[in-house]
Amino acid sequence: MRKNVTDKPVTLSGVVTAARWDKGEQVTSVTISATDEQEYLVENTSKGRELLELIHEQVQVVGVVKKNSEGKKIICVDRYTVIKEYESEPKNSIFTV
């Protein structure tokens, strides 16, 4: 049984990490290791499954957070954005390689 942490959508930023694998060693579940130093299991929804392709990517996700019976935080992702912090080549760099 799930208990609501909040019914309002929250925004989290963090890195997508593998949480579970099947017998063929394919990732079947991911978590968000968030900047608030918490880990959020991503619920297995259509948007949540899209994150399976983004392991090790930094993302910002929006969704509702709940706790499962074990007290673990689960986020039901409504939408997400991949965060690109740095450009591959700065436009006005004074450094040369």
PDB file of N, CA and C in Angstrom:
ATOM      1  N   MET A   1       0.831  -1.179   0.000  1.00  0.00           N
ATOM      2  CA  MET A   1       0.000   0.000   0.000  1.00  0.00           C
ATOM      3  C   MET A   1       0.876   1.242   0.000  1.00  0.00           C
ATOM      4  N   ARG A   2       0.513   2.211  -0.839  1.00  0.00           N
ATOM      5  CA  ARG A   2       1.297   3.423  -0.936  1.00  0.00           C
ATOM      6  C   ARG A   2       0.696   4.523  -0.096  1.00  0.00           C
ATOM      7  N   LYS A   3       1.562   5.305   0.480  1.00  0.00           N
ATOM      8  CA  LYS A   3       1.138   6.454   1.257  1.00  0.00           C
ATOM      9  C   LYS A   3       1.601   7.703   0.524  1.00  0.00           C
ATOM     10  N   ASN A   4       0.718   8.677   0.403  1.00  0.00           N
ATOM     11  CA  ASN A   4       1.089   9.913  -0.266  1.00  0.00           C
ATOM     12  C   ASN A   4       2.066  10.700   0.585  1.00  0.00           C
ATOM     13  N   VAL A   5       3.124  11.191  -0.074  1.00  0.00           N
ATOM     14  CA  VAL A   5       4.005  12.158   0.553  1.00  0.00           C
ATOM     15  C   VAL A   5       3.416  13.529   0.268  1.00  0.00           C
ATOM     16  N   THR A   6       2.964  13.731  -0.966  1.00  0.00           N
ATOM     17  CA  THR A   6       2.276  14.943  -1.381  1.00  0.00           C
ATOM     18  C   THR A   6       1.460  14.611  -2.613  1.00  0.00           C
ATOM     19  N   ASP A   7       0.326  15.256  -2.751  1.00  0.00           N
ATOM     20  CA  ASP A   7      -0.491  15.064  -3.946  1.00  0.00           C
ATOM     21  C   ASP A   7      -0.099  16.048  -5.031  1.00  0.00           C
ATOM     22  N   LYS A   8       0.729  17.027  -4.670  1.00  0.00           N
ATOM     23  CA  LYS A   8       1.153  18.043  -5.624  1.00  0.00           C
ATOM     24  C   LYS A   8       2.406  17.575  -6.343  1.00  0.00           C
ATOM     25  N   PRO A   9       2.503  17.874  -7.652  1.00  0.00           N
ATOM     26  CA  PRO A   9       3.734  17.528  -8.371  1.00  0.00           C
ATOM     27  C   PRO A   9       4.931  18.271  -7.787  1.00  0.00           C
ATOM     28  N   VAL A  10       6.052  17.581  -7.758  1.00  0.00           N
ATOM     29  CA  VAL A  10       7.315  18.170  -7.316  1.00  0.00           C
ATOM     30  C   VAL A  10       8.300  18.104  -8.470  1.00  0.00           C
ATOM     31  N   THR A  11       9.320  18.936  -8.414  1.00  0.00           N
ATOM     32  CA  THR A  11      10.382  18.937  -9.416  1.00  0.00           C
ATOM     33  C   THR A  11      11.666  18.478  -8.744  1.00  0.00           C
ATOM     34  N   LEU A  12      12.290  17.460  -9.332  1.00  0.00           N
ATOM     35  CA  LEU A  12      13.552  16.925  -8.816  1.00  0.00           C
ATOM     36  C   LEU A  12      14.612  16.986  -9.904  1.00  0.00           C
ATOM     37  N   SER A  13      15.838  17.223  -9.513  1.00  0.00           N
ATOM     38  CA  SER A  13      16.967  17.130 -10.433  1.00  0.00           C
ATOM     39  C   SER A  13      17.907  16.077  -9.899  1.00  0.00           C
ATOM     40  N   GLY A  14      18.494  15.305 -10.813  1.00  0.00           N
ATOM     41  CA  GLY A  14      19.431  14.279 -10.387  1.00  0.00           C
ATOM     42  C   GLY A  14      19.878  13.422 -11.546  1.00  0.00           C
ATOM     43  N   VAL A  15      20.527  12.330 -11.211  1.00  0.00           N
ATOM     44  CA  VAL A  15      21.086  11.412 -12.199  1.00  0.00           C
ATOM     45  C   VAL A  15      20.266  10.133 -12.223  1.00  0.00           C
ATOM     46  N   VAL A  16      19.979   9.650 -13.432  1.00  0.00           N
ATOM     47  CA  VAL A  16      19.247   8.393 -13.598  1.00  0.00           C
ATOM     48  C   VAL A  16      20.224   7.248 -13.362  1.00  0.00           C
ATOM     49  N   THR A  17      19.878   6.345 -12.458  1.00  0.00           N
ATOM     50  CA  THR A  17      20.727   5.191 -12.161  1.00  0.00           C
ATOM     51  C   THR A  17      19.915   3.897 -12.247  1.00  0.00           C
ATOM     52  N   ALA A  18      20.577   2.818 -12.620  1.00  0.00           N
ATOM     53  CA  ALA A  18      19.918   1.509 -12.710  1.00  0.00           C
ATOM     54  C   ALA A  18      19.576   1.017 -11.308  1.00  0.00           C
ATOM     55  N   ALA A  19      18.382   0.416 -11.178  1.00  0.00           N
ATOM     56  CA  ALA A  19      17.943  -0.090  -9.879  1.00  0.00           C
ATOM     57  C   ALA A  19      17.731  -1.598  -9.893  1.00  0.00           C
ATOM     58  N   ARG A  20      17.208  -2.135 -11.002  1.00  0.00           N
ATOM     59  CA  ARG A  20      16.927  -3.570 -11.102  1.00  0.00           C
ATOM     60  C   ARG A  20      17.255  -4.055 -12.508  1.00  0.00           C
ATOM     61  N   TRP A  21      17.610  -5.342 -12.572  1.00  0.00           N
ATOM     62  CA  TRP A  21      17.939  -5.965 -13.846  1.00  0.00           C
ATOM     63  C   TRP A  21      17.159  -7.268 -13.978  1.00  0.00           C
ATOM     64  N   ASP A  22      16.921  -7.689 -15.238  1.00  0.00           N
ATOM     65  CA  ASP A  22      16.293  -8.991 -15.448  1.00  0.00           C
ATOM     66  C   ASP A  22      17.385 -10.049 -15.573  1.00  0.00           C
ATOM     67  N   LYS A  23      17.006 -11.299 -15.845  1.00  0.00           N
ATOM     68  CA  LYS A  23      17.987 -12.392 -15.937  1.00  0.00           C
ATOM     69  C   LYS A  23      18.963 -12.195 -17.089  1.00  0.00           C
ATOM     70  N   GLY A  24      18.554 -11.460 -18.115  1.00  0.00           N
ATOM     71  CA  GLY A  24      19.434 -11.166 -19.246  1.00  0.00           C
ATOM     72  C   GLY A  24      20.280  -9.924 -19.021  1.00  0.00           C
ATOM     73  N   GLU A  25      20.274  -9.410 -17.789  1.00  0.00           N
ATOM     74  CA  GLU A  25      21.034  -8.244 -17.360  1.00  0.00           C
ATOM     75  C   GLU A  25      20.611  -6.956 -18.060  1.00  0.00           C
ATOM     76  N   GLN A  26      19.345  -6.900 -18.489  1.00  0.00           N
ATOM     77  CA  GLN A  26      18.778  -5.669 -19.024  1.00  0.00           C
ATOM     78  C   GLN A  26      18.168  -4.885 -17.863  1.00  0.00           C
ATOM     79  N   VAL A  27      18.369  -3.588 -17.867  1.00  0.00           N
ATOM     80  CA  VAL A  27      17.816  -2.748 -16.801  1.00  0.00           C
ATOM     81  C   VAL A  27      16.299  -2.729 -16.922  1.00  0.00           C
ATOM     82  N   THR A  28      15.620  -2.999 -15.816  1.00  0.00           N
ATOM     83  CA  THR A  28      14.161  -3.020 -15.811  1.00  0.00           C
ATOM     84  C   THR A  28      13.555  -1.922 -14.932  1.00  0.00           C
ATOM     85  N   SER A  29      14.384  -1.254 -14.140  1.00  0.00           N
ATOM     86  CA  SER A  29      13.905  -0.226 -13.235  1.00  0.00           C
ATOM     87  C   SER A  29      15.033   0.754 -12.955  1.00  0.00           C
ATOM     88  N   VAL A  30      14.668   2.034 -12.794  1.00  0.00           N
ATOM     89  CA  VAL A  30      15.675   3.052 -12.509  1.00  0.00           C
ATOM     90  C   VAL A  30      15.270   3.887 -11.305  1.00  0.00           C
ATOM     91  N   THR A  31      16.250   4.583 -10.775  1.00  0.00           N
ATOM     92  CA  THR A  31      16.022   5.555  -9.709  1.00  0.00           C
ATOM     93  C   THR A  31      16.578   6.892 -10.162  1.00  0.00           C
ATOM     94  N   ILE A  32      16.138   7.921  -9.481  1.00  0.00           N
ATOM     95  CA  ILE A  32      16.727   9.245  -9.631  1.00  0.00           C
ATOM     96  C   ILE A  32      17.536   9.491  -8.368  1.00  0.00           C
ATOM     97  N   SER A  33      18.851   9.615  -8.516  1.00  0.00           N
ATOM     98  CA  SER A  33      19.705  10.014  -7.394  1.00  0.00           C
ATOM     99  C   SER A  33      19.696  11.534  -7.411  1.00  0.00           C
ATOM    100  N   ALA A  34      18.881  12.113  -6.561  1.00  0.00           N
ATOM    101  CA  ALA A  34      18.562  13.532  -6.646  1.00  0.00           C
ATOM    102  C   ALA A  34      19.558  14.414  -5.912  1.00  0.00           C
ATOM    103  N   THR A  35      19.505  15.690  -6.263  1.00  0.00           N
ATOM    104  CA  THR A  35      20.390  16.672  -5.644  1.00  0.00           C
ATOM    105  C   THR A  35      20.044  16.927  -4.181  1.00  0.00           C
ATOM    106  N   ASP A  36      18.875  16.457  -3.727  1.00  0.00           N
ATOM    107  CA  ASP A  36      18.524  16.590  -2.303  1.00  0.00           C
ATOM    108  C   ASP A  36      19.086  15.419  -1.493  1.00  0.00           C
ATOM    109  N   GLU A  37      19.968  14.634  -2.130  1.00  0.00           N
ATOM    110  CA  GLU A  37      20.643  13.486  -1.531  1.00  0.00           C
ATOM    111  C   GLU A  37      19.686  12.357  -1.178  1.00  0.00           C
ATOM    112  N   GLN A  38      18.544  12.318  -1.833  1.00  0.00           N
ATOM    113  CA  GLN A  38      17.572  11.246  -1.675  1.00  0.00           C
ATOM    114  C   GLN A  38      17.547  10.429  -2.959  1.00  0.00           C
ATOM    115  N   GLU A  39      17.074   9.199  -2.845  1.00  0.00           N
ATOM    116  CA  GLU A  39      16.921   8.341  -4.008  1.00  0.00           C
ATOM    117  C   GLU A  39      15.443   8.057  -4.205  1.00  0.00           C
ATOM    118  N   TYR A  40      14.971   8.221  -5.443  1.00  0.00           N
ATOM    119  CA  TYR A  40      13.563   8.051  -5.774  1.00  0.00           C
ATOM    120  C   TYR A  40      13.437   6.957  -6.825  1.00  0.00           C
ATOM    121  N   LEU A  41      12.722   5.894  -6.497  1.00  0.00           N
ATOM    122  CA  LEU A  41      12.446   4.845  -7.465  1.00  0.00           C
ATOM    123  C   LEU A  41      11.438   5.398  -8.463  1.00  0.00           C
ATOM    124  N   VAL A  42      11.699   5.183  -9.762  1.00  0.00           N
ATOM    125  CA  VAL A  42      10.801   5.688 -10.796  1.00  0.00           C
ATOM    126  C   VAL A  42       9.705   4.651 -11.034  1.00  0.00           C
ATOM    127  N   GLU A  43       8.455   5.091 -10.928  1.00  0.00           N
ATOM    128  CA  GLU A  43       7.324   4.192 -11.140  1.00  0.00           C
ATOM    129  C   GLU A  43       7.290   3.730 -12.594  1.00  0.00           C
ATOM    130  N   ASN A  44       6.847   2.491 -12.799  1.00  0.00           N
ATOM    131  CA  ASN A  44       6.845   1.860 -14.115  1.00  0.00           C
ATOM    132  C   ASN A  44       5.636   2.332 -14.942  1.00  0.00           C
ATOM    133  N   THR A  45       5.725   3.577 -15.429  1.00  0.00           N
ATOM    134  CA  THR A  45       4.705   4.155 -16.306  1.00  0.00           C
ATOM    135  C   THR A  45       5.352   4.391 -17.663  1.00  0.00           C
ATOM    136  N   SER A  46       4.598   4.866 -18.630  1.00  0.00           N
ATOM    137  CA  SER A  46       5.189   5.097 -19.949  1.00  0.00           C
ATOM    138  C   SER A  46       6.326   6.118 -19.870  1.00  0.00           C
ATOM    139  N   LYS A  47       6.142   7.211 -19.150  1.00  0.00           N
ATOM    140  CA  LYS A  47       7.219   8.207 -18.990  1.00  0.00           C
ATOM    141  C   LYS A  47       8.365   7.636 -18.161  1.00  0.00           C
ATOM    142  N   GLY A  48       8.033   6.866 -17.148  1.00  0.00           N
ATOM    143  CA  GLY A  48       9.078   6.251 -16.330  1.00  0.00           C
ATOM    144  C   GLY A  48       9.941   5.296 -17.133  1.00  0.00           C
ATOM    145  N   ARG A  49       9.329   4.521 -18.023  1.00  0.00           N
ATOM    146  CA  ARG A  49      10.091   3.581 -18.854  1.00  0.00           C
ATOM    147  C   ARG A  49      11.004   4.301 -19.849  1.00  0.00           C
ATOM    148  N   GLU A  50      10.633   5.509 -20.259  1.00  0.00           N
ATOM    149  CA  GLU A  50      11.504   6.279 -21.151  1.00  0.00           C
ATOM    150  C   GLU A  50      12.851   6.566 -20.494  1.00  0.00           C
ATOM    151  N   LEU A  51      12.856   6.679 -19.180  1.00  0.00           N
ATOM    152  CA  LEU A  51      14.099   6.970 -18.458  1.00  0.00           C
ATOM    153  C   LEU A  51      15.067   5.784 -18.467  1.00  0.00           C
ATOM    154  N   LEU A  52      14.593   4.588 -18.824  1.00  0.00           N
ATOM    155  CA  LEU A  52      15.487   3.424 -18.927  1.00  0.00           C
ATOM    156  C   LEU A  52      16.583   3.662 -19.960  1.00  0.00           C
ATOM    157  N   GLU A  53      16.320   4.528 -20.922  1.00  0.00           N
ATOM    158  CA  GLU A  53      17.293   4.838 -21.974  1.00  0.00           C
ATOM    159  C   GLU A  53      18.238   5.975 -21.588  1.00  0.00           C
ATOM    160  N   LEU A  54      18.077   6.504 -20.392  1.00  0.00           N
ATOM    161  CA  LEU A  54      18.846   7.687 -19.991  1.00  0.00           C
ATOM    162  C   LEU A  54      19.738   7.441 -18.779  1.00  0.00           C
ATOM    163  N   ILE A  55      20.179   6.214 -18.597  1.00  0.00           N
ATOM    164  CA  ILE A  55      21.036   5.889 -17.444  1.00  0.00           C
ATOM    165  C   ILE A  55      22.320   6.721 -17.509  1.00  0.00           C
ATOM    166  N   HIS A  56      22.692   7.284 -16.386  1.00  0.00           N
ATOM    167  CA  HIS A  56      23.846   8.149 -16.173  1.00  0.00           C
ATOM    168  C   HIS A  56      23.652   9.554 -16.714  1.00  0.00           C
ATOM    169  N   GLU A  57      22.454   9.863 -17.187  1.00  0.00           N
ATOM    170  CA  GLU A  57      22.163  11.220 -17.660  1.00  0.00           C
ATOM    171  C   GLU A  57      21.600  12.039 -16.508  1.00  0.00           C
ATOM    172  N   GLN A  58      21.890  13.341 -16.528  1.00  0.00           N
ATOM    173  CA  GLN A  58      21.312  14.235 -15.542  1.00  0.00           C
ATOM    174  C   GLN A  58      19.975  14.718 -16.082  1.00  0.00           C
ATOM    175  N   VAL A  59      18.947  14.628 -15.254  1.00  0.00           N
ATOM    176  CA  VAL A  59      17.591  14.989 -15.680  1.00  0.00           C
ATOM    177  C   VAL A  59      16.915  15.856 -14.632  1.00  0.00           C
ATOM    178  N   GLN A  60      15.869  16.526 -15.094  1.00  0.00           N
ATOM    179  CA  GLN A  60      14.946  17.197 -14.184  1.00  0.00           C
ATOM    180  C   GLN A  60      13.598  16.539 -14.440  1.00  0.00           C
ATOM    181  N   VAL A  61      12.978  16.023 -13.401  1.00  0.00           N
ATOM    182  CA  VAL A  61      11.692  15.334 -13.540  1.00  0.00           C
ATOM    183  C   VAL A  61      10.623  16.046 -12.718  1.00  0.00           C
ATOM    184  N   VAL A  62       9.400  15.974 -13.221  1.00  0.00           N
ATOM    185  CA  VAL A  62       8.249  16.516 -12.509  1.00  0.00           C
ATOM    186  C   VAL A  62       7.269  15.367 -12.321  1.00  0.00           C
ATOM    187  N   GLY A  63       6.816  15.189 -11.097  1.00  0.00           N
ATOM    188  CA  GLY A  63       5.870  14.121 -10.811  1.00  0.00           C
ATOM    189  C   GLY A  63       5.441  14.118  -9.362  1.00  0.00           C
ATOM    190  N   VAL A  64       4.580  13.169  -9.035  1.00  0.00           N
ATOM    191  CA  VAL A  64       4.062  13.033  -7.672  1.00  0.00           C
ATOM    192  C   VAL A  64       4.882  11.973  -6.939  1.00  0.00           C
ATOM    193  N   VAL A  65       5.310  12.311  -5.729  1.00  0.00           N
ATOM    194  CA  VAL A  65       6.107  11.399  -4.904  1.00  0.00           C
ATOM    195  C   VAL A  65       5.218  10.714  -3.882  1.00  0.00           C
ATOM    196  N   LYS A  66       5.400   9.406  -3.765  1.00  0.00           N
ATOM    197  CA  LYS A  66       4.683   8.604  -2.766  1.00  0.00           C
ATOM    198  C   LYS A  66       5.704   7.737  -2.043  1.00  0.00           C
ATOM    199  N   LYS A  67       5.289   7.122  -0.963  1.00  0.00           N
ATOM    200  CA  LYS A  67       6.133   6.148  -0.265  1.00  0.00           C
ATOM    201  C   LYS A  67       5.451   4.798  -0.347  1.00  0.00           C
ATOM    202  N   ASN A  68       6.262   3.749  -0.575  1.00  0.00           N
ATOM    203  CA  ASN A  68       5.687   2.400  -0.571  1.00  0.00           C
ATOM    204  C   ASN A  68       5.654   1.870   0.863  1.00  0.00           C
ATOM    205  N   SER A  69       5.202   0.646   1.025  1.00  0.00           N
ATOM    206  CA  SER A  69       5.050   0.071   2.368  1.00  0.00           C
ATOM    207  C   SER A  69       6.381  -0.086   3.091  1.00  0.00           C
ATOM    208  N   GLU A  70       7.492  -0.089   2.330  1.00  0.00           N
ATOM    209  CA  GLU A  70       8.822  -0.183   2.940  1.00  0.00           C
ATOM    210  C   GLU A  70       9.402   1.187   3.263  1.00  0.00           C
ATOM    211  N   GLY A  71       8.659   2.246   2.955  1.00  0.00           N
ATOM    212  CA  GLY A  71       9.118   3.600   3.242  1.00  0.00           C
ATOM    213  C   GLY A  71       9.992   4.210   2.166  1.00  0.00           C
ATOM    214  N   LYS A  72      10.132   3.521   1.022  1.00  0.00           N
ATOM    215  CA  LYS A  72      10.951   4.054  -0.064  1.00  0.00           C
ATOM    216  C   LYS A  72      10.148   5.043  -0.885  1.00  0.00           C
ATOM    217  N   LYS A  73      10.810   6.116  -1.310  1.00  0.00           N
ATOM    218  CA  LYS A  73      10.149   7.137  -2.103  1.00  0.00           C
ATOM    219  C   LYS A  73      10.065   6.688  -3.561  1.00  0.00           C
ATOM    220  N   ILE A  74       8.887   6.871  -4.138  1.00  0.00           N
ATOM    221  CA  ILE A  74       8.632   6.510  -5.534  1.00  0.00           C
ATOM    222  C   ILE A  74       8.079   7.744  -6.222  1.00  0.00           C
ATOM    223  N   ILE A  75       8.587   8.047  -7.417  1.00  0.00           N
ATOM    224  CA  ILE A  75       8.051   9.174  -8.171  1.00  0.00           C
ATOM    225  C   ILE A  75       7.351   8.662  -9.423  1.00  0.00           C
ATOM    226  N   CYS A  76       6.142   9.163  -9.633  1.00  0.00           N
ATOM    227  CA  CYS A  76       5.385   8.891 -10.851  1.00  0.00           C
ATOM    228  C   CYS A  76       5.660  10.079 -11.779  1.00  0.00           C
ATOM    229  N   VAL A  77       6.504   9.862 -12.778  1.00  0.00           N
ATOM    230  CA  VAL A  77       6.988  10.942 -13.635  1.00  0.00           C
ATOM    231  C   VAL A  77       5.904  11.382 -14.616  1.00  0.00           C
ATOM    232  N   ASP A  78       5.606  12.680 -14.582  1.00  0.00           N
ATOM    233  CA  ASP A  78       4.678  13.272 -15.552  1.00  0.00           C
ATOM    234  C   ASP A  78       5.437  13.760 -16.780  1.00  0.00           C
ATOM    235  N   ARG A  79       6.602  14.363 -16.518  1.00  0.00           N
ATOM    236  CA  ARG A  79       7.446  14.854 -17.615  1.00  0.00           C
ATOM    237  C   ARG A  79       8.881  14.968 -17.115  1.00  0.00           C
ATOM    238  N   TYR A  80       9.803  15.058 -18.068  1.00  0.00           N
ATOM    239  CA  TYR A  80      11.212  15.174 -17.711  1.00  0.00           C
ATOM    240  C   TYR A  80      11.956  15.938 -18.795  1.00  0.00           C
ATOM    241  N   THR A  81      13.128  16.437 -18.420  1.00  0.00           N
ATOM    242  CA  THR A  81      14.026  17.120 -19.340  1.00  0.00           C
ATOM    243  C   THR A  81      15.432  16.623 -19.060  1.00  0.00           C
ATOM    244  N   VAL A  82      16.173  16.305 -20.113  1.00  0.00           N
ATOM    245  CA  VAL A  82      17.582  15.963 -19.952  1.00  0.00           C
ATOM    246  C   VAL A  82      18.339  17.275 -19.799  1.00  0.00           C
ATOM    247  N   ILE A  83      19.184  17.348 -18.786  1.00  0.00           N
ATOM    248  CA  ILE A  83      19.928  18.572 -18.499  1.00  0.00           C
ATOM    249  C   ILE A  83      21.298  18.488 -19.161  1.00  0.00           C
ATOM    250  N   LYS A  84      21.577  19.451 -19.995  1.00  0.00           N
ATOM    251  CA  LYS A  84      22.892  19.572 -20.628  1.00  0.00           C
ATOM    252  C   LYS A  84      23.582  20.768 -19.985  1.00  0.00           C
ATOM    253  N   GLU A  85      24.525  20.493 -19.097  1.00  0.00           N
ATOM    254  CA  GLU A  85      25.163  21.578 -18.354  1.00  0.00           C
ATOM    255  C   GLU A  85      26.183  22.343 -19.179  1.00  0.00           C
ATOM    256  N   TYR A  86      26.918  21.620 -20.000  1.00  0.00           N
ATOM    257  CA  TYR A  86      28.016  22.244 -20.708  1.00  0.00           C
ATOM    258  C   TYR A  86      27.872  22.019 -22.205  1.00  0.00           C
ATOM    259  N   GLU A  87      28.238  23.015 -22.969  1.00  0.00           N
ATOM    260  CA  GLU A  87      28.291  22.827 -24.407  1.00  0.00           C
ATOM    261  C   GLU A  87      29.564  22.066 -24.716  1.00  0.00           C
ATOM    262  N   SER A  88      29.560  21.290 -25.808  1.00  0.00           N
ATOM    263  CA  SER A  88      30.754  20.516 -26.147  1.00  0.00           C
ATOM    264  C   SER A  88      31.904  21.430 -26.553  1.00  0.00           C
ATOM    265  N   GLU A  89      31.612  22.559 -27.220  1.00  0.00           N
ATOM    266  CA  GLU A  89      32.647  23.517 -27.586  1.00  0.00           C
ATOM    267  C   GLU A  89      32.122  24.917 -27.300  1.00  0.00           C
ATOM    268  N   PRO A  90      32.677  25.583 -26.298  1.00  0.00           N
ATOM    269  CA  PRO A  90      32.228  26.941 -26.008  1.00  0.00           C
ATOM    270  C   PRO A  90      32.429  27.847 -27.218  1.00  0.00           C
ATOM    271  N   LYS A  91      31.464  28.737 -27.448  1.00  0.00           N
ATOM    272  CA  LYS A  91      31.498  29.601 -28.630  1.00  0.00           C
ATOM    273  C   LYS A  91      32.633  30.614 -28.577  1.00  0.00           C
ATOM    274  N   ASN A  92      32.888  31.180 -27.424  1.00  0.00           N
ATOM    275  CA  ASN A  92      33.897  32.233 -27.301  1.00  0.00           C
ATOM    276  C   ASN A  92      35.021  31.827 -26.371  1.00  0.00           C
ATOM    277  N   SER A  93      35.531  30.628 -26.550  1.00  0.00           N
ATOM    278  CA  SER A  93      36.582  30.144 -25.664  1.00  0.00           C
ATOM    279  C   SER A  93      37.905  30.811 -25.995  1.00  0.00           C
ATOM    280  N   ILE A  94      38.624  31.176 -24.941  1.00  0.00           N
ATOM    281  CA  ILE A  94      39.945  31.756 -25.151  1.00  0.00           C
ATOM    282  C   ILE A  94      41.036  30.691 -25.081  1.00  0.00           C
ATOM    283  N   PHE A  95      40.632  29.468 -24.768  1.00  0.00           N
ATOM    284  CA  PHE A  95      41.578  28.368 -24.653  1.00  0.00           C
ATOM    285  C   PHE A  95      41.624  27.583 -25.958  1.00  0.00           C
ATOM    286  N   THR A  96      42.803  27.106 -26.300  1.00  0.00           N
ATOM    287  CA  THR A  96      42.933  26.257 -27.484  1.00  0.00           C
ATOM    288  C   THR A  96      43.541  24.946 -27.073  1.00  0.00           C
ATOM    289  N   VAL A  97      43.248  23.936 -27.818  1.00  0.00           N
ATOM    290  CA  VAL A  97      43.759  22.606 -27.510  1.00  0.00           C
ATOM    291  C   VAL A  97      44.861  22.258 -28.475  1.00  0.00           C
TER     292      VAL A  97
END
